[in-house]
Amino acid sequence: MKILVLLENLVLNPDADYAVIESSMNKIHKWLDAGAEVEYLTGINKFLELKKIDDRFHDLDLPDAKVHKKQETEKFKEVLEMVSPSFFIDLKGSLDGEKDISSQLNGENKIAAIVLADLAEMTKLPDYLEELKDYLEEEEVVEEVE
């Protein structure tokens, strides 16, 4: 199972020199230990910033971490469709402060998007891969009721 996680503000904090967000990395390590293939999505495309990101993954002993970069001419949707993860972990307002990257998806691509309201929700995600789908279905029911 492939999980694609938004890099900025969920895994690394760009406002703090790309400091690692420990709570998110703890969750990601649980998924990796459970056999998930975890990859990352970023809109960053400046060389020095990408180098810092690469250095952080080396510091975390994840030198082979796959980071998918959106090019200036691409839409996030195109990158998501190319990567084709089972799940995409997104952050509310990730696209422009109001819209999420997930809002670019349509139902045709079979990517299950989990949009987190804030960073704290990352720790609430299930540790076990088979529970992620159930979590998504529960969240959709809650949204429909509200």
N, C-alpha and C. Protein backbone atom coordinates (compact mmCIF):
# COMPACT_ATOMS: atom_id res chain seq x y z
N MET A 1 0.85 -1.17 0.00
CA MET A 1 0.00 0.00 0.00
C MET A 1 0.90 1.23 0.00
N LYS A 2 0.60 2.16 -0.90
CA LYS A 2 1.38 3.38 -1.00
C LYS A 2 0.61 4.54 -0.37
N ILE A 3 1.30 5.25 0.51
CA ILE A 3 0.74 6.44 1.15
C ILE A 3 1.59 7.62 0.72
N LEU A 4 0.94 8.64 0.19
CA LEU A 4 1.62 9.88 -0.19
C LEU A 4 1.26 10.93 0.85
N VAL A 5 2.28 11.55 1.45
CA VAL A 5 2.06 12.51 2.52
C VAL A 5 2.56 13.88 2.07
N LEU A 6 1.76 14.90 2.29
CA LEU A 6 2.19 16.27 2.01
C LEU A 6 3.37 16.58 2.91
N LEU A 7 4.45 17.05 2.33
CA LEU A 7 5.69 17.28 3.07
C LEU A 7 5.62 18.54 3.94
N GLU A 8 5.23 19.66 3.33
CA GLU A 8 5.23 20.92 4.05
C GLU A 8 4.18 20.93 5.16
N ASN A 9 4.62 21.25 6.35
CA ASN A 9 3.77 21.43 7.53
C ASN A 9 3.15 20.15 8.08
N LEU A 10 3.40 19.01 7.44
CA LEU A 10 2.97 17.73 8.01
C LEU A 10 4.17 16.87 8.40
N VAL A 11 5.25 16.97 7.65
CA VAL A 11 6.45 16.17 7.93
C VAL A 11 7.61 17.08 8.32
N LEU A 12 7.79 18.13 7.56
CA LEU A 12 8.85 19.11 7.84
C LEU A 12 8.24 20.50 7.93
N ASN A 13 8.82 21.33 8.79
CA ASN A 13 8.31 22.68 8.99
C ASN A 13 9.17 23.66 8.20
N PRO A 14 8.66 24.18 7.07
CA PRO A 14 9.46 25.09 6.26
C PRO A 14 9.76 26.42 6.95
N ASP A 15 8.95 26.78 7.94
CA ASP A 15 9.18 28.03 8.67
C ASP A 15 10.27 27.90 9.72
N ALA A 16 10.72 26.68 9.99
CA ALA A 16 11.76 26.43 10.99
C ALA A 16 12.92 25.67 10.36
N ASP A 17 13.35 26.13 9.18
CA ASP A 17 14.48 25.53 8.48
C ASP A 17 14.27 24.03 8.22
N TYR A 18 13.04 23.69 7.89
CA TYR A 18 12.66 22.31 7.57
C TYR A 18 12.93 21.35 8.73
N ALA A 19 12.63 21.82 9.92
CA ALA A 19 12.75 20.96 11.10
C ALA A 19 11.76 19.82 10.99
N VAL A 20 12.17 18.68 11.49
CA VAL A 20 11.33 17.48 11.45
C VAL A 20 10.19 17.63 12.45
N ILE A 21 8.99 17.28 12.04
CA ILE A 21 7.83 17.26 12.93
C ILE A 21 7.77 15.85 13.50
N GLU A 22 8.27 15.72 14.72
CA GLU A 22 8.46 14.40 15.34
C GLU A 22 7.18 13.57 15.43
N SER A 23 6.08 14.20 15.80
CA SER A 23 4.83 13.45 15.95
C SER A 23 4.41 12.80 14.63
N SER A 24 4.61 13.51 13.54
CA SER A 24 4.28 12.96 12.22
C SER A 24 5.24 11.84 11.85
N MET A 25 6.51 12.03 12.14
CA MET A 25 7.49 11.00 11.79
C MET A 25 7.25 9.73 12.59
N ASN A 26 6.80 9.86 13.83
CA ASN A 26 6.47 8.67 14.62
C ASN A 26 5.37 7.87 13.93
N LYS A 27 4.35 8.57 13.44
CA LYS A 27 3.25 7.89 12.74
C LYS A 27 3.76 7.24 11.45
N ILE A 28 4.56 7.98 10.70
CA ILE A 28 5.09 7.47 9.43
C ILE A 28 5.95 6.22 9.67
N HIS A 29 6.76 6.24 10.72
CA HIS A 29 7.58 5.06 11.03
C HIS A 29 6.70 3.85 11.36
N LYS A 30 5.57 4.07 12.00
CA LYS A 30 4.65 2.96 12.28
C LYS A 30 4.11 2.38 10.98
N TRP A 31 3.77 3.27 10.03
CA TRP A 31 3.28 2.79 8.73
C TRP A 31 4.38 2.03 7.99
N LEU A 32 5.60 2.56 8.03
CA LEU A 32 6.71 1.88 7.37
C LEU A 32 6.95 0.50 7.99
N ASP A 33 6.90 0.44 9.31
CA ASP A 33 7.09 -0.84 10.01
C ASP A 33 5.98 -1.83 9.66
N ALA A 34 4.79 -1.30 9.34
CA ALA A 34 3.66 -2.16 8.98
C ALA A 34 3.70 -2.58 7.51
N GLY A 35 4.71 -2.09 6.77
CA GLY A 35 4.87 -2.51 5.39
C GLY A 35 4.41 -1.52 4.34
N ALA A 36 4.02 -0.33 4.75
CA ALA A 36 3.56 0.67 3.78
C ALA A 36 4.75 1.24 3.01
N GLU A 37 4.46 1.67 1.82
CA GLU A 37 5.41 2.43 1.02
C GLU A 37 4.99 3.89 1.20
N VAL A 38 5.81 4.68 1.89
CA VAL A 38 5.46 6.07 2.17
C VAL A 38 6.32 6.97 1.31
N GLU A 39 5.64 7.84 0.56
CA GLU A 39 6.32 8.82 -0.28
C GLU A 39 5.79 10.20 0.08
N TYR A 40 6.43 11.23 -0.45
CA TYR A 40 6.13 12.59 -0.02
C TYR A 40 5.88 13.49 -1.23
N LEU A 41 5.03 14.50 -1.03
CA LEU A 41 4.68 15.45 -2.08
C LEU A 41 5.06 16.85 -1.63
N THR A 42 5.69 17.59 -2.52
CA THR A 42 6.05 18.97 -2.20
C THR A 42 5.87 19.87 -3.41
N GLY A 43 5.61 21.13 -3.13
CA GLY A 43 5.57 22.14 -4.17
C GLY A 43 6.89 22.90 -4.25
N ILE A 44 7.82 22.55 -3.38
CA ILE A 44 9.13 23.20 -3.34
C ILE A 44 9.95 22.71 -4.52
N ASN A 45 10.57 23.67 -5.23
CA ASN A 45 11.41 23.24 -6.34
C ASN A 45 12.73 24.01 -6.41
N LYS A 46 13.07 24.74 -5.34
CA LYS A 46 14.36 25.44 -5.30
C LYS A 46 15.43 24.47 -4.81
N PHE A 47 16.56 24.48 -5.49
CA PHE A 47 17.61 23.50 -5.23
C PHE A 47 18.04 23.47 -3.76
N LEU A 48 18.35 24.62 -3.18
CA LEU A 48 18.86 24.64 -1.80
C LEU A 48 17.83 24.14 -0.80
N GLU A 49 16.57 24.45 -1.04
CA GLU A 49 15.52 23.96 -0.15
C GLU A 49 15.36 22.44 -0.30
N LEU A 50 15.43 21.95 -1.52
CA LEU A 50 15.35 20.51 -1.75
C LEU A 50 16.54 19.79 -1.12
N LYS A 51 17.70 20.43 -1.13
CA LYS A 51 18.89 19.86 -0.49
C LYS A 51 18.67 19.74 1.02
N LYS A 52 18.07 20.76 1.64
CA LYS A 52 17.77 20.70 3.07
C LYS A 52 16.81 19.55 3.37
N ILE A 53 15.82 19.39 2.52
CA ILE A 53 14.84 18.30 2.70
C ILE A 53 15.56 16.96 2.61
N ASP A 54 16.41 16.82 1.61
CA ASP A 54 17.17 15.58 1.44
C ASP A 54 18.05 15.32 2.67
N ASP A 55 18.68 16.36 3.18
CA ASP A 55 19.52 16.23 4.39
C ASP A 55 18.69 15.77 5.58
N ARG A 56 17.48 16.29 5.72
CA ARG A 56 16.62 15.90 6.85
C ARG A 56 16.27 14.41 6.77
N PHE A 57 15.99 13.93 5.58
CA PHE A 57 15.67 12.51 5.43
C PHE A 57 16.90 11.64 5.73
N HIS A 58 18.08 12.12 5.37
CA HIS A 58 19.30 11.39 5.72
C HIS A 58 19.47 11.36 7.24
N ASP A 59 19.21 12.50 7.90
CA ASP A 59 19.30 12.57 9.37
C ASP A 59 18.33 11.59 10.03
N LEU A 60 17.20 11.36 9.38
CA LEU A 60 16.17 10.45 9.92
C LEU A 60 16.44 8.99 9.56
N ASP A 61 17.57 8.77 8.91
CA ASP A 61 17.93 7.43 8.44
C ASP A 61 16.92 6.92 7.41
N LEU A 62 16.44 7.85 6.59
CA LEU A 62 15.55 7.52 5.47
C LEU A 62 16.14 8.08 4.18
N PRO A 63 17.37 7.67 3.82
CA PRO A 63 18.03 8.26 2.67
C PRO A 63 17.34 7.97 1.34
N ASP A 64 16.52 6.92 1.31
CA ASP A 64 15.85 6.56 0.07
C ASP A 64 14.43 7.11 -0.02
N ALA A 65 14.10 8.05 0.87
CA ALA A 65 12.76 8.63 0.85
C ALA A 65 12.49 9.25 -0.51
N LYS A 66 11.35 8.93 -1.06
CA LYS A 66 10.99 9.43 -2.39
C LYS A 66 10.13 10.68 -2.24
N VAL A 67 10.66 11.80 -2.75
CA VAL A 67 9.96 13.08 -2.68
C VAL A 67 9.55 13.46 -4.10
N HIS A 68 8.24 13.61 -4.30
CA HIS A 68 7.71 14.01 -5.60
C HIS A 68 7.54 15.52 -5.59
N LYS A 69 8.17 16.17 -6.56
CA LYS A 69 8.14 17.63 -6.65
C LYS A 69 7.21 18.06 -7.77
N LYS A 70 6.35 19.01 -7.44
CA LYS A 70 5.48 19.59 -8.46
C LYS A 70 6.29 20.65 -9.20
N GLN A 71 6.38 20.51 -10.50
CA GLN A 71 7.07 21.51 -11.30
C GLN A 71 6.16 22.73 -11.48
N GLU A 72 6.74 23.85 -11.82
CA GLU A 72 5.95 25.08 -11.96
C GLU A 72 4.84 24.95 -12.98
N THR A 73 5.05 24.14 -14.00
CA THR A 73 4.05 24.01 -15.07
C THR A 73 3.01 22.93 -14.77
N GLU A 74 3.18 22.21 -13.68
CA GLU A 74 2.27 21.12 -13.33
C GLU A 74 1.24 21.55 -12.30
N LYS A 75 0.18 20.78 -12.24
CA LYS A 75 -0.78 20.89 -11.15
C LYS A 75 -0.51 19.73 -10.20
N PHE A 76 -0.83 19.94 -8.93
CA PHE A 76 -0.65 18.85 -7.97
C PHE A 76 -1.42 17.61 -8.41
N LYS A 77 -2.57 17.83 -9.03
CA LYS A 77 -3.40 16.71 -9.49
C LYS A 77 -2.61 15.80 -10.43
N GLU A 78 -1.82 16.39 -11.31
CA GLU A 78 -1.04 15.61 -12.26
C GLU A 78 0.00 14.75 -11.54
N VAL A 79 0.63 15.32 -10.53
CA VAL A 79 1.63 14.57 -9.77
C VAL A 79 0.95 13.44 -9.01
N LEU A 80 -0.19 13.74 -8.38
CA LEU A 80 -0.93 12.71 -7.65
C LEU A 80 -1.32 11.55 -8.56
N GLU A 81 -1.81 11.87 -9.74
CA GLU A 81 -2.22 10.83 -10.68
C GLU A 81 -1.03 10.00 -11.15
N MET A 82 0.13 10.64 -11.32
CA MET A 82 1.32 9.93 -11.74
C MET A 82 1.81 8.98 -10.63
N VAL A 83 1.80 9.45 -9.40
CA VAL A 83 2.27 8.64 -8.26
C VAL A 83 1.26 7.54 -7.94
N SER A 84 -0.01 7.84 -8.06
CA SER A 84 -1.10 6.90 -7.85
C SER A 84 -1.05 6.17 -6.50
N PRO A 85 -1.07 6.94 -5.40
CA PRO A 85 -1.06 6.30 -4.08
C PRO A 85 -2.43 5.73 -3.73
N SER A 86 -2.45 4.84 -2.76
CA SER A 86 -3.73 4.37 -2.22
C SER A 86 -4.36 5.47 -1.39
N PHE A 87 -3.51 6.19 -0.63
CA PHE A 87 -3.98 7.27 0.23
C PHE A 87 -3.10 8.49 0.04
N PHE A 88 -3.73 9.67 0.10
CA PHE A 88 -2.99 10.93 0.11
C PHE A 88 -3.36 11.66 1.39
N ILE A 89 -2.36 11.95 2.21
CA ILE A 89 -2.58 12.68 3.47
C ILE A 89 -2.32 14.15 3.18
N ASP A 90 -3.36 14.95 3.27
CA ASP A 90 -3.34 16.36 2.91
C ASP A 90 -3.63 17.21 4.15
N LEU A 91 -3.38 18.49 4.05
CA LEU A 91 -3.64 19.43 5.13
C LEU A 91 -4.59 20.50 4.63
N LYS A 92 -5.60 20.80 5.42
CA LYS A 92 -6.60 21.80 5.03
C LYS A 92 -5.91 23.11 4.66
N GLY A 93 -6.30 23.65 3.51
CA GLY A 93 -5.74 24.91 3.03
C GLY A 93 -4.37 24.77 2.38
N SER A 94 -3.96 23.56 2.08
CA SER A 94 -2.61 23.32 1.55
C SER A 94 -2.36 23.93 0.18
N LEU A 95 -3.41 24.14 -0.58
CA LEU A 95 -3.23 24.64 -1.95
C LEU A 95 -3.00 26.15 -1.97
N ASP A 96 -3.87 26.87 -1.29
CA ASP A 96 -3.77 28.33 -1.35
C ASP A 96 -4.18 29.01 -0.04
N GLY A 97 -4.21 28.26 1.02
CA GLY A 97 -4.65 28.81 2.30
C GLY A 97 -6.12 28.52 2.58
N GLU A 98 -6.88 28.26 1.53
CA GLU A 98 -8.30 27.93 1.68
C GLU A 98 -8.61 26.55 1.11
N LYS A 99 -8.21 26.32 -0.12
CA LYS A 99 -8.48 25.03 -0.77
C LYS A 99 -7.35 24.04 -0.47
N ASP A 100 -7.73 22.77 -0.49
CA ASP A 100 -6.76 21.70 -0.27
C ASP A 100 -6.28 21.19 -1.63
N ILE A 101 -5.11 20.60 -1.63
CA ILE A 101 -4.61 19.95 -2.85
C ILE A 101 -5.61 18.89 -3.29
N SER A 102 -6.19 18.20 -2.32
CA SER A 102 -7.16 17.13 -2.62
C SER A 102 -8.37 17.63 -3.40
N SER A 103 -8.66 18.91 -3.31
CA SER A 103 -9.82 19.45 -4.02
C SER A 103 -9.64 19.37 -5.54
N GLN A 104 -8.41 19.17 -6.00
CA GLN A 104 -8.16 19.03 -7.43
C GLN A 104 -8.51 17.63 -7.94
N LEU A 105 -8.66 16.70 -7.03
CA LEU A 105 -8.94 15.32 -7.42
C LEU A 105 -10.41 15.15 -7.77
N ASN A 106 -10.66 14.25 -8.70
CA ASN A 106 -12.03 13.83 -8.95
C ASN A 106 -12.10 12.35 -8.60
N GLY A 107 -13.24 11.81 -8.55
CA GLY A 107 -13.40 10.42 -8.12
C GLY A 107 -12.85 9.38 -9.07
N GLU A 108 -12.44 9.78 -10.26
CA GLU A 108 -12.00 8.83 -11.28
C GLU A 108 -10.67 8.16 -10.96
N ASN A 109 -9.82 8.81 -10.17
CA ASN A 109 -8.46 8.31 -10.01
C ASN A 109 -8.26 7.35 -8.85
N LYS A 110 -9.28 7.06 -8.07
CA LYS A 110 -9.22 6.06 -7.00
C LYS A 110 -8.19 6.37 -5.91
N ILE A 111 -7.90 7.64 -5.70
CA ILE A 111 -7.00 8.04 -4.63
C ILE A 111 -7.86 8.49 -3.45
N ALA A 112 -7.68 7.84 -2.33
CA ALA A 112 -8.44 8.21 -1.13
C ALA A 112 -7.68 9.33 -0.43
N ALA A 113 -8.31 10.49 -0.33
CA ALA A 113 -7.67 11.64 0.30
C ALA A 113 -8.16 11.80 1.73
N ILE A 114 -7.22 11.95 2.63
CA ILE A 114 -7.52 12.24 4.02
C ILE A 114 -7.03 13.65 4.28
N VAL A 115 -7.96 14.57 4.48
CA VAL A 115 -7.62 15.98 4.69
C VAL A 115 -7.67 16.27 6.18
N LEU A 116 -6.53 16.64 6.73
CA LEU A 116 -6.43 16.92 8.15
C LEU A 116 -6.68 18.40 8.40
N ALA A 117 -7.44 18.71 9.43
CA ALA A 117 -7.73 20.10 9.77
C ALA A 117 -6.48 20.79 10.32
N ASP A 118 -5.65 20.03 11.02
CA ASP A 118 -4.41 20.59 11.57
C ASP A 118 -3.41 19.46 11.81
N LEU A 119 -2.22 19.84 12.19
CA LEU A 119 -1.14 18.89 12.39
C LEU A 119 -1.47 17.86 13.46
N ALA A 120 -2.17 18.25 14.50
CA ALA A 120 -2.49 17.34 15.60
C ALA A 120 -3.28 16.13 15.13
N GLU A 121 -4.05 16.28 14.06
CA GLU A 121 -4.86 15.17 13.56
C GLU A 121 -3.99 14.05 12.97
N MET A 122 -2.76 14.36 12.61
CA MET A 122 -1.86 13.33 12.06
C MET A 122 -1.67 12.21 13.07
N THR A 123 -1.53 12.56 14.34
CA THR A 123 -1.30 11.54 15.37
C THR A 123 -2.54 10.70 15.62
N LYS A 124 -3.71 11.19 15.22
CA LYS A 124 -4.96 10.46 15.43
C LYS A 124 -5.23 9.43 14.33
N LEU A 125 -4.46 9.49 13.25
CA LEU A 125 -4.64 8.51 12.17
C LEU A 125 -4.26 7.12 12.68
N PRO A 126 -4.91 6.09 12.16
CA PRO A 126 -4.61 4.73 12.60
C PRO A 126 -3.15 4.34 12.33
N ASP A 127 -2.62 3.51 13.22
CA ASP A 127 -1.26 3.00 13.06
C ASP A 127 -1.20 1.88 12.03
N TYR A 128 -2.32 1.18 11.88
CA TYR A 128 -2.35 0.00 11.03
C TYR A 128 -3.00 0.33 9.69
N LEU A 129 -2.37 -0.14 8.63
CA LEU A 129 -2.78 0.21 7.28
C LEU A 129 -4.22 -0.17 6.97
N GLU A 130 -4.63 -1.36 7.41
CA GLU A 130 -5.98 -1.81 7.09
C GLU A 130 -7.05 -0.93 7.75
N GLU A 131 -6.65 -0.19 8.79
CA GLU A 131 -7.61 0.68 9.48
C GLU A 131 -7.75 2.05 8.81
N LEU A 132 -6.82 2.40 7.92
CA LEU A 132 -6.90 3.71 7.27
C LEU A 132 -8.18 3.87 6.44
N LYS A 133 -8.54 2.83 5.71
CA LYS A 133 -9.76 2.90 4.90
C LYS A 133 -10.99 3.06 5.78
N ASP A 134 -11.03 2.31 6.88
CA ASP A 134 -12.15 2.44 7.82
C ASP A 134 -12.20 3.85 8.40
N TYR A 135 -11.03 4.40 8.71
CA TYR A 135 -10.95 5.76 9.25
C TYR A 135 -11.54 6.76 8.25
N LEU A 136 -11.19 6.59 6.99
CA LEU A 136 -11.68 7.49 5.95
C LEU A 136 -13.19 7.40 5.84
N GLU A 137 -13.74 6.21 5.87
CA GLU A 137 -15.18 6.03 5.78
C GLU A 137 -15.89 6.65 6.99
N GLU A 138 -15.31 6.52 8.17
CA GLU A 138 -15.89 7.13 9.37
C GLU A 138 -15.90 8.64 9.27
N GLU A 139 -14.82 9.22 8.75
CA GLU A 139 -14.72 10.67 8.60
C GLU A 139 -15.75 11.19 7.61
N GLU A 140 -15.99 10.45 6.52
CA GLU A 140 -16.98 10.87 5.53
C GLU A 140 -18.37 10.88 6.14
N VAL A 141 -18.68 9.91 6.98
CA VAL A 141 -19.98 9.87 7.64
C VAL A 141 -20.14 11.08 8.55
N VAL A 142 -19.09 11.43 9.29
CA VAL A 142 -19.14 12.59 10.18
C VAL A 142 -19.38 13.86 9.38
N GLU A 143 -18.69 14.01 8.24
CA GLU A 143 -18.86 15.20 7.41
C GLU A 143 -20.28 15.30 6.86
N GLU A 144 -20.87 14.17 6.49
CA GLU A 144 -22.23 14.19 5.94
C GLU A 144 -23.24 14.60 7.01
N VAL A 145 -23.00 14.21 8.25
CA VAL A 145 -23.93 14.51 9.34
C VAL A 145 -23.89 15.98 9.71
N GLU A 146 -22.71 16.60 9.63
CA GLU A 146 -22.56 18.00 10.06
C GLU A 146 -23.34 18.97 9.23
